[in-house]
Amino acid sequence: MELRQRQEMYQGFGDTLARAIELVATPFLAAGIGYLLDRWLGILPALSVAFGTWAFVVTCWRQYHDYNARMKVEEDRLLGRSS
């Protein structure tokens, strides 16, 4: 395997790890903020669940659209189209 291919593979691993951490950490942090607000307002666990769910849905939606955009660029590159 040549150097360029190895670099692309390692970059792919790094991107995947970053996305996995983002998928877990973002809802966890949002739920943590919701938990603090819940405790302050005395309405456990309403905001924790709401914020965590909202953050998870938004993160999934963003990753889905980023993936589609990257695949569109790759498809155009492979088919020789210019944007």
Protein backbone atom coordinates (compact mmCIF):
# COMPACT_ATOMS: atom_id res chain seq x y z
CA MET A 1 0.00 0.00 0.00
CA GLU A 2 1.48 3.32 -0.97
CA LEU A 3 1.78 6.34 1.30
CA ARG A 4 -1.16 8.31 -0.15
CA GLN A 5 -3.56 5.38 0.27
CA ARG A 6 -2.38 4.84 3.83
CA GLN A 7 -2.87 8.54 4.65
CA GLU A 8 -6.40 8.46 3.21
CA MET A 9 -7.20 5.35 5.24
CA TYR A 10 -5.91 6.91 8.47
CA GLN A 11 -7.82 10.11 7.71
CA GLY A 12 -10.97 8.02 7.26
CA PHE A 13 -10.41 6.32 10.62
CA GLY A 14 -9.92 9.70 12.28
CA ASP A 15 -13.05 11.15 10.70
CA THR A 16 -15.08 8.13 11.76
CA LEU A 17 -13.85 8.34 15.35
CA ALA A 18 -14.65 12.06 15.46
CA ARG A 19 -18.18 11.44 14.20
CA ALA A 20 -18.74 8.64 16.71
CA ILE A 21 -17.61 10.84 19.58
CA GLU A 22 -19.80 13.67 18.32
CA LEU A 23 -22.80 11.34 18.10
CA VAL A 24 -22.35 10.35 21.75
CA ALA A 25 -20.93 13.49 23.37
CA THR A 26 -23.32 16.09 21.95
CA PRO A 27 -26.54 14.50 23.28
CA PHE A 28 -24.78 13.67 26.56
CA LEU A 29 -23.73 17.30 27.06
CA ALA A 30 -27.17 18.60 26.08
CA ALA A 31 -28.82 16.16 28.50
CA GLY A 32 -26.39 17.33 31.20
CA ILE A 33 -27.43 20.94 30.66
CA GLY A 34 -31.06 19.82 30.76
CA TYR A 35 -30.38 17.96 34.01
CA LEU A 36 -28.92 21.09 35.62
CA LEU A 37 -31.95 23.12 34.52
CA ASP A 38 -34.26 20.34 35.73
CA ARG A 39 -32.69 20.38 39.18
CA TRP A 40 -32.84 24.16 39.33
CA LEU A 41 -36.52 24.20 38.27
CA GLY A 42 -37.45 21.01 40.18
CA ILE A 43 -38.95 19.22 37.17
CA LEU A 44 -36.70 16.17 36.79
CA PRO A 45 -36.23 14.61 34.12
CA ALA A 46 -38.26 16.61 31.58
CA LEU A 47 -35.56 18.86 30.16
CA SER A 48 -32.85 16.20 30.39
CA VAL A 49 -34.79 13.89 28.11
CA ALA A 50 -35.96 16.70 25.82
CA PHE A 51 -32.51 18.24 25.35
CA GLY A 52 -30.79 14.86 24.93
CA THR A 53 -33.32 13.69 22.36
CA TRP A 54 -33.22 16.99 20.49
CA ALA A 55 -29.41 16.94 20.34
CA PHE A 56 -29.37 13.32 19.14
CA VAL A 57 -31.90 14.01 16.36
CA VAL A 58 -30.07 17.15 15.22
CA THR A 59 -26.70 15.38 15.27
CA CYS A 60 -28.07 12.46 13.22
CA TRP A 61 -29.73 14.85 10.76
CA ARG A 62 -26.51 16.82 10.35
CA GLN A 63 -24.41 13.72 9.80
CA TYR A 64 -26.90 12.40 7.25
CA HIS A 65 -26.78 15.62 5.24
CA ASP A 66 -22.98 15.90 5.50
CA TYR A 67 -22.69 12.33 4.23
CA ASN A 68 -24.98 13.03 1.27
CA ALA A 69 -23.00 16.15 0.37
CA ARG A 70 -19.68 14.26 0.53
CA MET A 71 -21.06 11.45 -1.60
CA LYS A 72 -22.37 13.92 -4.18
CA VAL A 73 -18.91 15.50 -4.46
CA GLU A 74 -17.27 12.07 -4.74
CA GLU A 75 -19.79 10.95 -7.36
CA ASP A 76 -19.18 14.09 -9.40
CA ARG A 77 -15.43 13.58 -9.14
CA LEU A 78 -15.64 9.96 -10.27
CA LEU A 79 -17.98 10.76 -13.17
CA GLY A 80 -15.90 13.76 -14.27
CA ARG A 81 -18.62 16.32 -13.67
CA SER A 82 -17.74 19.83 -12.58
CA SER A 83 -19.86 21.72 -10.08
